[in-house]
Amino acid sequence: MKTWSGTVSGSWSSHSPQTLEATLRNAFLALPGGWEGTLAEAPAAPGRHPVMIFMHGSSGINEAAKIFGRRLAERGIAFLAPNGMATPGRLAYTSPVSPEIYEKVHAMRSAELDRALEALPCLSFFDGRFVIAGTSEGGVAAARHAVRPDLSEAGRLILSWSCEDNYHVEQHRTAIPLDMPVLNVMSAEDKYFSRANAYLGNDAALGHAGRTLARHRHAAVVLIPGAPHTLYNEPEAFTHIAAFLEHVLA
């Protein structure tokens, strides 16, 4: 039996209706005009805007994610990040652990995304336009989501997740529709998902989504040399992200 050198903490590995609702109520929200807080605290009628649903990485809604949200809000985009860490005792890890552990977490993250999308049409600030984005662990949930036929999704943004088979998944199971505009932004040598990682588990990996998205006519992959794993606030990365959002939300 293979052993893994990472650690696992917590035991809550699937959402109840109550814990799932908590991830939405405690979502970080940044609105154009400068308001920010949790979704539960949001003002009733702050105006209507396009929305980014952002799936955070394994470190949760950290300061980098909040800065990203504020920068997008300054550009007229409401930023909604479901709080996957709102569940006390939630399963957590330091890599590498077994694929079974990762998949339990990914299932929870996918449920959080589904709940946010279910609530989206009822949000007073939503103008009908939205994109789904995810970074690292959250990028898996974003990439695996197909579409909701009752919502018109403008595009998909996959950050710091390569959409490839590797140690972090049993299979990547990317489900982005072929006609969906999608942008994948990666460090050229991402410390987790490129061959720079000694425990990657895929000698044929590219370290980006180019192979997975090869048949997607409206896809682009951006590689940034020397970028850190959390890269969305890096000037080179944010420039591409902003241009993509401006295009798909026009």
C-alpha atoms as a PDB file:
ATOM      1  CA  MET A   1       0.000   0.000   0.000  1.00  0.00           C
ATOM      2  CA  LYS A   2       1.320   3.431  -0.943  1.00  0.00           C
ATOM      3  CA  THR A   3       2.040   5.815   1.905  1.00  0.00           C
ATOM      4  CA  TRP A   4       1.670   9.598   1.712  1.00  0.00           C
ATOM      5  CA  SER A   5       3.856  12.132   3.477  1.00  0.00           C
ATOM      6  CA  GLY A   6       1.183  14.817   3.942  1.00  0.00           C
ATOM      7  CA  THR A   7      -1.165  15.300   6.869  1.00  0.00           C
ATOM      8  CA  VAL A   8      -4.939  15.193   7.276  1.00  0.00           C
ATOM      9  CA  SER A   9      -7.001  17.018   9.880  1.00  0.00           C
ATOM     10  CA  GLY A  10     -10.711  17.286  10.565  1.00  0.00           C
ATOM     11  CA  SER A  11     -13.339  14.643   9.970  1.00  0.00           C
ATOM     12  CA  TRP A  12     -16.314  16.432   8.379  1.00  0.00           C
ATOM     13  CA  SER A  13     -16.170  15.182   4.791  1.00  0.00           C
ATOM     14  CA  SER A  14     -19.635  15.839   3.338  1.00  0.00           C
ATOM     15  CA  HIS A  15     -22.048  18.726   3.620  1.00  0.00           C
ATOM     16  CA  SER A  16     -25.348  18.724   5.414  1.00  0.00           C
ATOM     17  CA  PRO A  17     -27.963  21.250   4.259  1.00  0.00           C
ATOM     18  CA  GLN A  18     -26.966  23.414   7.233  1.00  0.00           C
ATOM     19  CA  THR A  19     -23.216  23.409   6.575  1.00  0.00           C
ATOM     20  CA  LEU A  20     -23.768  24.000   2.880  1.00  0.00           C
ATOM     21  CA  GLU A  21     -25.937  27.018   3.646  1.00  0.00           C
ATOM     22  CA  ALA A  22     -23.224  28.336   5.959  1.00  0.00           C
ATOM     23  CA  THR A  23     -20.706  28.345   3.096  1.00  0.00           C
ATOM     24  CA  LEU A  24     -23.054  30.674   1.201  1.00  0.00           C
ATOM     25  CA  ARG A  25     -24.111  32.927   4.072  1.00  0.00           C
ATOM     26  CA  ASN A  26     -20.458  33.366   5.061  1.00  0.00           C
ATOM     27  CA  ALA A  27     -19.277  33.919   1.484  1.00  0.00           C
ATOM     28  CA  PHE A  28     -16.984  36.894   1.019  1.00  0.00           C
ATOM     29  CA  LEU A  29     -18.685  39.527  -1.113  1.00  0.00           C
ATOM     30  CA  ALA A  30     -17.095  42.626  -2.636  1.00  0.00           C
ATOM     31  CA  LEU A  31     -19.427  44.981  -4.482  1.00  0.00           C
ATOM     32  CA  PRO A  32     -18.728  47.868  -6.850  1.00  0.00           C
ATOM     33  CA  GLY A  33     -18.819  51.059  -4.840  1.00  0.00           C
ATOM     34  CA  GLY A  34     -16.597  49.763  -2.068  1.00  0.00           C
ATOM     35  CA  TRP A  35     -18.875  47.602   0.100  1.00  0.00           C
ATOM     36  CA  GLU A  36     -17.507  44.268   1.325  1.00  0.00           C
ATOM     37  CA  GLY A  37     -18.490  41.706   3.909  1.00  0.00           C
ATOM     38  CA  THR A  38     -20.363  38.427   4.025  1.00  0.00           C
ATOM     39  CA  LEU A  39     -23.299  37.670   1.774  1.00  0.00           C
ATOM     40  CA  ALA A  40     -25.564  37.511   4.833  1.00  0.00           C
ATOM     41  CA  GLU A  41     -24.666  41.147   5.591  1.00  0.00           C
ATOM     42  CA  ALA A  42     -25.108  42.459   2.041  1.00  0.00           C
ATOM     43  CA  PRO A  43     -27.266  45.554   1.532  1.00  0.00           C
ATOM     44  CA  ALA A  44     -30.643  44.840  -0.032  1.00  0.00           C
ATOM     45  CA  ALA A  45     -30.400  46.970  -3.174  1.00  0.00           C
ATOM     46  CA  PRO A  46     -26.829  48.057  -4.018  1.00  0.00           C
ATOM     47  CA  GLY A  47     -27.386  48.104  -7.792  1.00  0.00           C
ATOM     48  CA  ARG A  48     -26.976  45.320 -10.325  1.00  0.00           C
ATOM     49  CA  HIS A  49     -23.674  44.014 -11.642  1.00  0.00           C
ATOM     50  CA  PRO A  50     -22.076  41.044 -13.363  1.00  0.00           C
ATOM     51  CA  VAL A  51     -20.878  38.494 -10.811  1.00  0.00           C
ATOM     52  CA  MET A  52     -17.789  36.355 -10.450  1.00  0.00           C
ATOM     53  CA  ILE A  53     -18.352  33.241  -8.343  1.00  0.00           C
ATOM     54  CA  PHE A  54     -14.861  32.515  -7.042  1.00  0.00           C
ATOM     55  CA  MET A  55     -13.839  29.147  -5.597  1.00  0.00           C
ATOM     56  CA  HIS A  56     -10.941  29.759  -3.227  1.00  0.00           C
ATOM     57  CA  GLY A  57      -7.925  27.490  -2.767  1.00  0.00           C
ATOM     58  CA  SER A  58      -7.100  25.197   0.134  1.00  0.00           C
ATOM     59  CA  SER A  59      -6.033  28.123   2.354  1.00  0.00           C
ATOM     60  CA  GLY A  60      -9.532  29.592   2.257  1.00  0.00           C
ATOM     61  CA  ILE A  61     -10.562  33.204   1.750  1.00  0.00           C
ATOM     62  CA  ASN A  62      -7.203  34.738   2.506  1.00  0.00           C
ATOM     63  CA  GLU A  63      -6.064  38.322   2.038  1.00  0.00           C
ATOM     64  CA  ALA A  64      -4.915  37.627  -1.528  1.00  0.00           C
ATOM     65  CA  ALA A  65      -8.451  36.513  -2.451  1.00  0.00           C
ATOM     66  CA  LYS A  66      -9.956  39.603  -0.810  1.00  0.00           C
ATOM     67  CA  ILE A  67      -7.558  41.893  -2.683  1.00  0.00           C
ATOM     68  CA  PHE A  68      -8.517  40.128  -5.922  1.00  0.00           C
ATOM     69  CA  GLY A  69     -12.182  40.655  -5.130  1.00  0.00           C
ATOM     70  CA  ARG A  70     -11.683  44.346  -4.386  1.00  0.00           C
ATOM     71  CA  ARG A  71      -9.787  44.857  -7.636  1.00  0.00           C
ATOM     72  CA  LEU A  72     -12.602  43.247  -9.620  1.00  0.00           C
ATOM     73  CA  ALA A  73     -15.234  45.253  -7.751  1.00  0.00           C
ATOM     74  CA  GLU A  74     -13.363  48.415  -8.761  1.00  0.00           C
ATOM     75  CA  ARG A  75     -13.948  47.261 -12.353  1.00  0.00           C
ATOM     76  CA  GLY A  76     -17.692  46.891 -11.828  1.00  0.00           C
ATOM     77  CA  ILE A  77     -17.788  43.140 -11.119  1.00  0.00           C
ATOM     78  CA  ALA A  78     -19.379  41.770  -7.937  1.00  0.00           C
ATOM     79  CA  PHE A  79     -17.110  39.137  -6.367  1.00  0.00           C
ATOM     80  CA  LEU A  80     -18.735  36.256  -4.465  1.00  0.00           C
ATOM     81  CA  ALA A  81     -16.510  33.617  -2.849  1.00  0.00           C
ATOM     82  CA  PRO A  82     -18.325  30.795  -1.023  1.00  0.00           C
ATOM     83  CA  ASN A  83     -16.567  30.085   2.259  1.00  0.00           C
ATOM     84  CA  GLY A  84     -15.494  26.458   2.183  1.00  0.00           C
ATOM     85  CA  MET A  85     -13.889  26.846   5.612  1.00  0.00           C
ATOM     86  CA  ALA A  86     -17.148  27.800   7.341  1.00  0.00           C
ATOM     87  CA  THR A  87     -17.695  24.194   8.496  1.00  0.00           C
ATOM     88  CA  PRO A  88     -16.084  23.470  11.907  1.00  0.00           C
ATOM     89  CA  GLY A  89     -13.905  20.370  11.717  1.00  0.00           C
ATOM     90  CA  ARG A  90     -13.952  20.255   7.933  1.00  0.00           C
ATOM     91  CA  LEU A  91     -11.558  17.819   6.303  1.00  0.00           C
ATOM     92  CA  ALA A  92      -8.266  19.550   5.494  1.00  0.00           C
ATOM     93  CA  TYR A  93      -4.838  18.452   4.355  1.00  0.00           C
ATOM     94  CA  THR A  94      -1.263  19.320   3.652  1.00  0.00           C
ATOM     95  CA  SER A  95      -0.093  17.656   0.454  1.00  0.00           C
ATOM     96  CA  PRO A  96       0.525  14.988  -0.573  1.00  0.00           C
ATOM     97  CA  VAL A  97      -2.296  12.806   0.745  1.00  0.00           C
ATOM     98  CA  SER A  98      -4.257  10.022  -0.932  1.00  0.00           C
ATOM     99  CA  PRO A  99      -6.484  10.818  -3.920  1.00  0.00           C
ATOM    100  CA  GLU A 100      -9.456   9.606  -1.878  1.00  0.00           C
ATOM    101  CA  ILE A 101      -8.944  12.450   0.604  1.00  0.00           C
ATOM    102  CA  TYR A 102      -8.673  15.050  -2.149  1.00  0.00           C
ATOM    103  CA  GLU A 103     -11.813  13.733  -3.828  1.00  0.00           C
ATOM    104  CA  LYS A 104     -13.835  14.054  -0.626  1.00  0.00           C
ATOM    105  CA  VAL A 105     -12.780  17.694  -0.438  1.00  0.00           C
ATOM    106  CA  HIS A 106     -13.479  18.257  -4.141  1.00  0.00           C
ATOM    107  CA  ALA A 107     -16.997  16.861  -3.697  1.00  0.00           C
ATOM    108  CA  MET A 108     -17.642  19.364  -0.918  1.00  0.00           C
ATOM    109  CA  ARG A 109     -16.269  22.219  -3.013  1.00  0.00           C
ATOM    110  CA  SER A 110     -18.454  21.242  -5.987  1.00  0.00           C
ATOM    111  CA  ALA A 111     -21.502  21.241  -3.711  1.00  0.00           C
ATOM    112  CA  GLU A 112     -20.569  24.752  -2.537  1.00  0.00           C
ATOM    113  CA  LEU A 113     -20.381  25.963  -6.127  1.00  0.00           C
ATOM    114  CA  ASP A 114     -23.722  24.371  -6.953  1.00  0.00           C
ATOM    115  CA  ARG A 115     -25.340  26.079  -3.961  1.00  0.00           C
ATOM    116  CA  ALA A 116     -23.968  29.472  -4.983  1.00  0.00           C
ATOM    117  CA  LEU A 117     -25.276  29.013  -8.510  1.00  0.00           C
ATOM    118  CA  GLU A 118     -28.673  27.987  -7.165  1.00  0.00           C
ATOM    119  CA  ALA A 119     -28.832  31.220  -5.161  1.00  0.00           C
ATOM    120  CA  LEU A 120     -27.460  33.474  -7.893  1.00  0.00           C
ATOM    121  CA  PRO A 121     -30.760  34.447  -9.620  1.00  0.00           C
ATOM    122  CA  CYS A 122     -32.162  35.538  -6.234  1.00  0.00           C
ATOM    123  CA  LEU A 123     -29.324  37.930  -5.394  1.00  0.00           C
ATOM    124  CA  SER A 124     -30.415  41.556  -5.604  1.00  0.00           C
ATOM    125  CA  PHE A 125     -27.090  42.715  -7.095  1.00  0.00           C
ATOM    126  CA  PHE A 126     -27.001  40.150  -9.948  1.00  0.00           C
ATOM    127  CA  ASP A 127     -27.613  41.596 -13.421  1.00  0.00           C
ATOM    128  CA  GLY A 128     -27.795  38.256 -15.288  1.00  0.00           C
ATOM    129  CA  ARG A 129     -24.128  38.042 -16.344  1.00  0.00           C
ATOM    130  CA  PHE A 130     -21.650  35.839 -14.495  1.00  0.00           C
ATOM    131  CA  VAL A 131     -18.435  33.883 -14.711  1.00  0.00           C
ATOM    132  CA  ILE A 132     -17.182  30.977 -12.636  1.00  0.00           C
ATOM    133  CA  ALA A 133     -13.585  31.130 -11.437  1.00  0.00           C
ATOM    134  CA  GLY A 134     -11.469  28.902  -9.246  1.00  0.00           C
ATOM    135  CA  THR A 135      -7.915  28.760  -8.022  1.00  0.00           C
ATOM    136  CA  SER A 136      -5.872  25.667  -7.140  1.00  0.00           C
ATOM    137  CA  GLU A 137      -8.191  23.347  -5.138  1.00  0.00           C
ATOM    138  CA  GLY A 138     -11.092  25.613  -6.111  1.00  0.00           C
ATOM    139  CA  GLY A 139     -10.031  25.342  -9.730  1.00  0.00           C
ATOM    140  CA  VAL A 140     -10.968  21.666  -9.673  1.00  0.00           C
ATOM    141  CA  ALA A 141     -14.569  22.491  -8.754  1.00  0.00           C
ATOM    142  CA  ALA A 142     -14.676  25.235 -11.383  1.00  0.00           C
ATOM    143  CA  ALA A 143     -13.254  22.980 -14.106  1.00  0.00           C
ATOM    144  CA  ARG A 144     -15.537  20.042 -13.288  1.00  0.00           C
ATOM    145  CA  HIS A 145     -18.738  22.084 -13.395  1.00  0.00           C
ATOM    146  CA  ALA A 146     -20.630  21.525 -16.650  1.00  0.00           C
ATOM    147  CA  VAL A 147     -23.319  24.210 -17.020  1.00  0.00           C
ATOM    148  CA  ARG A 148     -26.676  25.070 -15.536  1.00  0.00           C
ATOM    149  CA  PRO A 149     -29.086  25.227 -18.497  1.00  0.00           C
ATOM    150  CA  ASP A 150     -31.206  27.842 -16.718  1.00  0.00           C
ATOM    151  CA  LEU A 151     -28.281  30.274 -16.388  1.00  0.00           C
ATOM    152  CA  SER A 152     -26.267  31.975 -19.100  1.00  0.00           C
ATOM    153  CA  GLU A 153     -22.629  31.650 -18.061  1.00  0.00           C
ATOM    154  CA  ALA A 154     -20.291  34.074 -19.815  1.00  0.00           C
ATOM    155  CA  GLY A 155     -16.989  32.284 -19.251  1.00  0.00           C
ATOM    156  CA  ARG A 156     -14.765  30.146 -17.064  1.00  0.00           C
ATOM    157  CA  LEU A 157     -11.516  31.163 -15.384  1.00  0.00           C
ATOM    158  CA  ILE A 158      -9.189  28.403 -14.141  1.00  0.00           C
ATOM    159  CA  LEU A 159      -6.253  29.665 -12.090  1.00  0.00           C
ATOM    160  CA  SER A 160      -3.332  27.563 -10.850  1.00  0.00           C
ATOM    161  CA  TRP A 161      -5.017  24.265 -11.763  1.00  0.00           C
ATOM    162  CA  SER A 162      -3.774  22.365 -14.797  1.00  0.00           C
ATOM    163  CA  CYS A 163      -6.895  20.299 -15.614  1.00  0.00           C
ATOM    164  CA  GLU A 164      -4.687  17.189 -15.826  1.00  0.00           C
ATOM    165  CA  ASP A 165      -4.504  13.856 -14.058  1.00  0.00           C
ATOM    166  CA  ASN A 166      -2.064  14.080 -11.144  1.00  0.00           C
ATOM    167  CA  TYR A 167      -1.753  13.401  -7.404  1.00  0.00           C
ATOM    168  CA  HIS A 168      -4.539  15.901  -6.582  1.00  0.00           C
ATOM    169  CA  VAL A 169      -7.385  13.969  -8.243  1.00  0.00           C
ATOM    170  CA  GLU A 170      -8.382  10.433  -9.167  1.00  0.00           C
ATOM    171  CA  GLN A 171      -9.065  11.833 -12.666  1.00  0.00           C
ATOM    172  CA  HIS A 172      -9.254  15.478 -13.666  1.00  0.00           C
ATOM    173  CA  ARG A 173     -12.814  15.139 -15.042  1.00  0.00           C
ATOM    174  CA  THR A 174     -12.828  18.595 -16.617  1.00  0.00           C
ATOM    175  CA  ALA A 175     -16.346  19.290 -17.909  1.00  0.00           C
ATOM    176  CA  ILE A 176     -16.091  22.772 -19.427  1.00  0.00           C
ATOM    177  CA  PRO A 177     -18.318  22.921 -22.528  1.00  0.00           C
ATOM    178  CA  LEU A 178     -16.471  23.082 -25.837  1.00  0.00           C
ATOM    179  CA  ASP A 179     -18.057  26.415 -26.766  1.00  0.00           C
ATOM    180  CA  MET A 180     -17.398  28.077 -23.395  1.00  0.00           C
ATOM    181  CA  PRO A 181     -14.830  30.910 -23.312  1.00  0.00           C
ATOM    182  CA  VAL A 182     -12.166  29.776 -20.867  1.00  0.00           C
ATOM    183  CA  LEU A 183      -8.871  31.183 -19.643  1.00  0.00           C
ATOM    184  CA  ASN A 184      -6.293  29.048 -17.831  1.00  0.00           C
ATOM    185  CA  VAL A 185      -3.532  31.029 -16.094  1.00  0.00           C
ATOM    186  CA  MET A 186      -0.585  29.110 -14.645  1.00  0.00           C
ATOM    187  CA  SER A 187       2.882  29.668 -13.350  1.00  0.00           C
ATOM    188  CA  ALA A 188       5.236  28.223 -15.959  1.00  0.00           C
ATOM    189  CA  GLU A 189       6.659  26.008 -13.202  1.00  0.00           C
ATOM    190  CA  ASP A 190       3.769  25.745 -10.764  1.00  0.00           C
ATOM    191  CA  LYS A 191       5.122  24.159  -7.590  1.00  0.00           C
ATOM    192  CA  TYR A 192       2.139  21.818  -7.257  1.00  0.00           C
ATOM    193  CA  PHE A 193       0.867  21.040 -10.755  1.00  0.00           C
ATOM    194  CA  SER A 194       3.891  21.069 -13.051  1.00  0.00           C
ATOM    195  CA  ARG A 195       6.732  18.588 -13.332  1.00  0.00           C
ATOM    196  CA  ALA A 196       8.651  20.814 -10.936  1.00  0.00           C
ATOM    197  CA  ASN A 197       6.700  18.945  -8.234  1.00  0.00           C
ATOM    198  CA  ALA A 198       8.477  15.712  -7.261  1.00  0.00           C
ATOM    199  CA  TYR A 199       5.196  14.021  -6.270  1.00  0.00           C
ATOM    200  CA  LEU A 200       3.133  15.196  -9.267  1.00  0.00           C
ATOM    201  CA  GLY A 201       2.381  11.624 -10.325  1.00  0.00           C
ATOM    202  CA  ASN A 202       2.211  12.232 -14.080  1.00  0.00           C
ATOM    203  CA  ASP A 203       5.413  12.152 -16.116  1.00  0.00           C
ATOM    204  CA  ALA A 204       3.508  13.281 -19.219  1.00  0.00           C
ATOM    205  CA  ALA A 205       1.935  16.339 -17.586  1.00  0.00           C
ATOM    206  CA  LEU A 206       2.214  19.685 -19.338  1.00  0.00           C
ATOM    207  CA  GLY A 207       1.579  21.694 -16.194  1.00  0.00           C
ATOM    208  CA  HIS A 208      -1.284  23.580 -17.838  1.00  0.00           C
ATOM    209  CA  ALA A 209      -4.636  22.891 -19.513  1.00  0.00           C
ATOM    210  CA  GLY A 210      -3.443  23.095 -23.121  1.00  0.00           C
ATOM    211  CA  ARG A 211      -3.979  19.415 -23.855  1.00  0.00           C
ATOM    212  CA  THR A 212      -7.337  19.233 -22.067  1.00  0.00           C
ATOM    213  CA  LEU A 213      -8.645  22.367 -23.793  1.00  0.00           C
ATOM    214  CA  ALA A 214      -7.204  21.560 -27.228  1.00  0.00           C
ATOM    215  CA  ARG A 215     -10.670  21.275 -28.831  1.00  0.00           C
ATOM    216  CA  HIS A 216     -12.076  24.403 -27.155  1.00  0.00           C
ATOM    217  CA  ARG A 217     -12.245  27.111 -29.822  1.00  0.00           C
ATOM    218  CA  HIS A 218     -12.564  29.941 -27.301  1.00  0.00           C
ATOM    219  CA  ALA A 219      -9.854  28.844 -24.867  1.00  0.00           C
ATOM    220  CA  ALA A 220      -6.544  30.462 -24.000  1.00  0.00           C
ATOM    221  CA  VAL A 221      -3.691  29.304 -21.787  1.00  0.00           C
ATOM    222  CA  VAL A 222      -1.317  31.842 -20.237  1.00  0.00           C
ATOM    223  CA  LEU A 223       1.987  30.727 -18.680  1.00  0.00           C
ATOM    224  CA  ILE A 224       3.850  33.208 -16.504  1.00  0.00           C
ATOM    225  CA  PRO A 225       7.543  32.447 -15.869  1.00  0.00           C
ATOM    226  CA  GLY A 226       8.614  32.803 -12.249  1.00  0.00           C
ATOM    227  CA  ALA A 227       5.096  33.387 -10.940  1.00  0.00           C
ATOM    228  CA  PRO A 228       4.077  32.006  -7.539  1.00  0.00           C
ATOM    229  CA  HIS A 229       1.335  29.395  -7.205  1.00  0.00           C
ATOM    230  CA  THR A 230      -1.134  32.051  -6.037  1.00  0.00           C
ATOM    231  CA  LEU A 231      -0.739  34.351  -9.001  1.00  0.00           C
ATOM    232  CA  TYR A 232      -3.992  36.128  -9.777  1.00  0.00           C
ATOM    233  CA  ASN A 233      -2.829  39.430  -8.284  1.00  0.00           C
ATOM    234  CA  GLU A 234       0.487  39.374 -10.136  1.00  0.00           C
ATOM    235  CA  PRO A 235       0.508  42.206 -12.701  1.00  0.00           C
ATOM    236  CA  GLU A 236       1.027  39.890 -15.683  1.00  0.00           C
ATOM    237  CA  ALA A 237      -1.750  37.551 -14.553  1.00  0.00           C
ATOM    238  CA  PHE A 238      -4.250  40.246 -13.622  1.00  0.00           C
ATOM    239  CA  THR A 239      -3.790  41.986 -16.967  1.00  0.00           C
ATOM    240  CA  HIS A 240      -4.870  38.821 -18.813  1.00  0.00           C
ATOM    241  CA  ILE A 241      -7.703  38.132 -16.361  1.00  0.00           C
ATOM    242  CA  ALA A 242      -9.077  41.673 -16.673  1.00  0.00           C
ATOM    243  CA  ALA A 243      -8.956  41.547 -20.473  1.00  0.00           C
ATOM    244  CA  PHE A 244     -10.744  38.178 -20.504  1.00  0.00           C
ATOM    245  CA  LEU A 245     -13.486  39.453 -18.199  1.00  0.00           C
ATOM    246  CA  GLU A 246     -13.927  42.633 -20.196  1.00  0.00           C
ATOM    247  CA  HIS A 247     -14.389  40.533 -23.329  1.00  0.00           C
ATOM    248  CA  VAL A 248     -16.802  37.896 -22.026  1.00  0.00           C
ATOM    249  CA  LEU A 249     -18.896  40.308 -19.918  1.00  0.00           C
ATOM    250  CA  ALA A 250     -19.236  42.972 -22.625  1.00  0.00           C
END
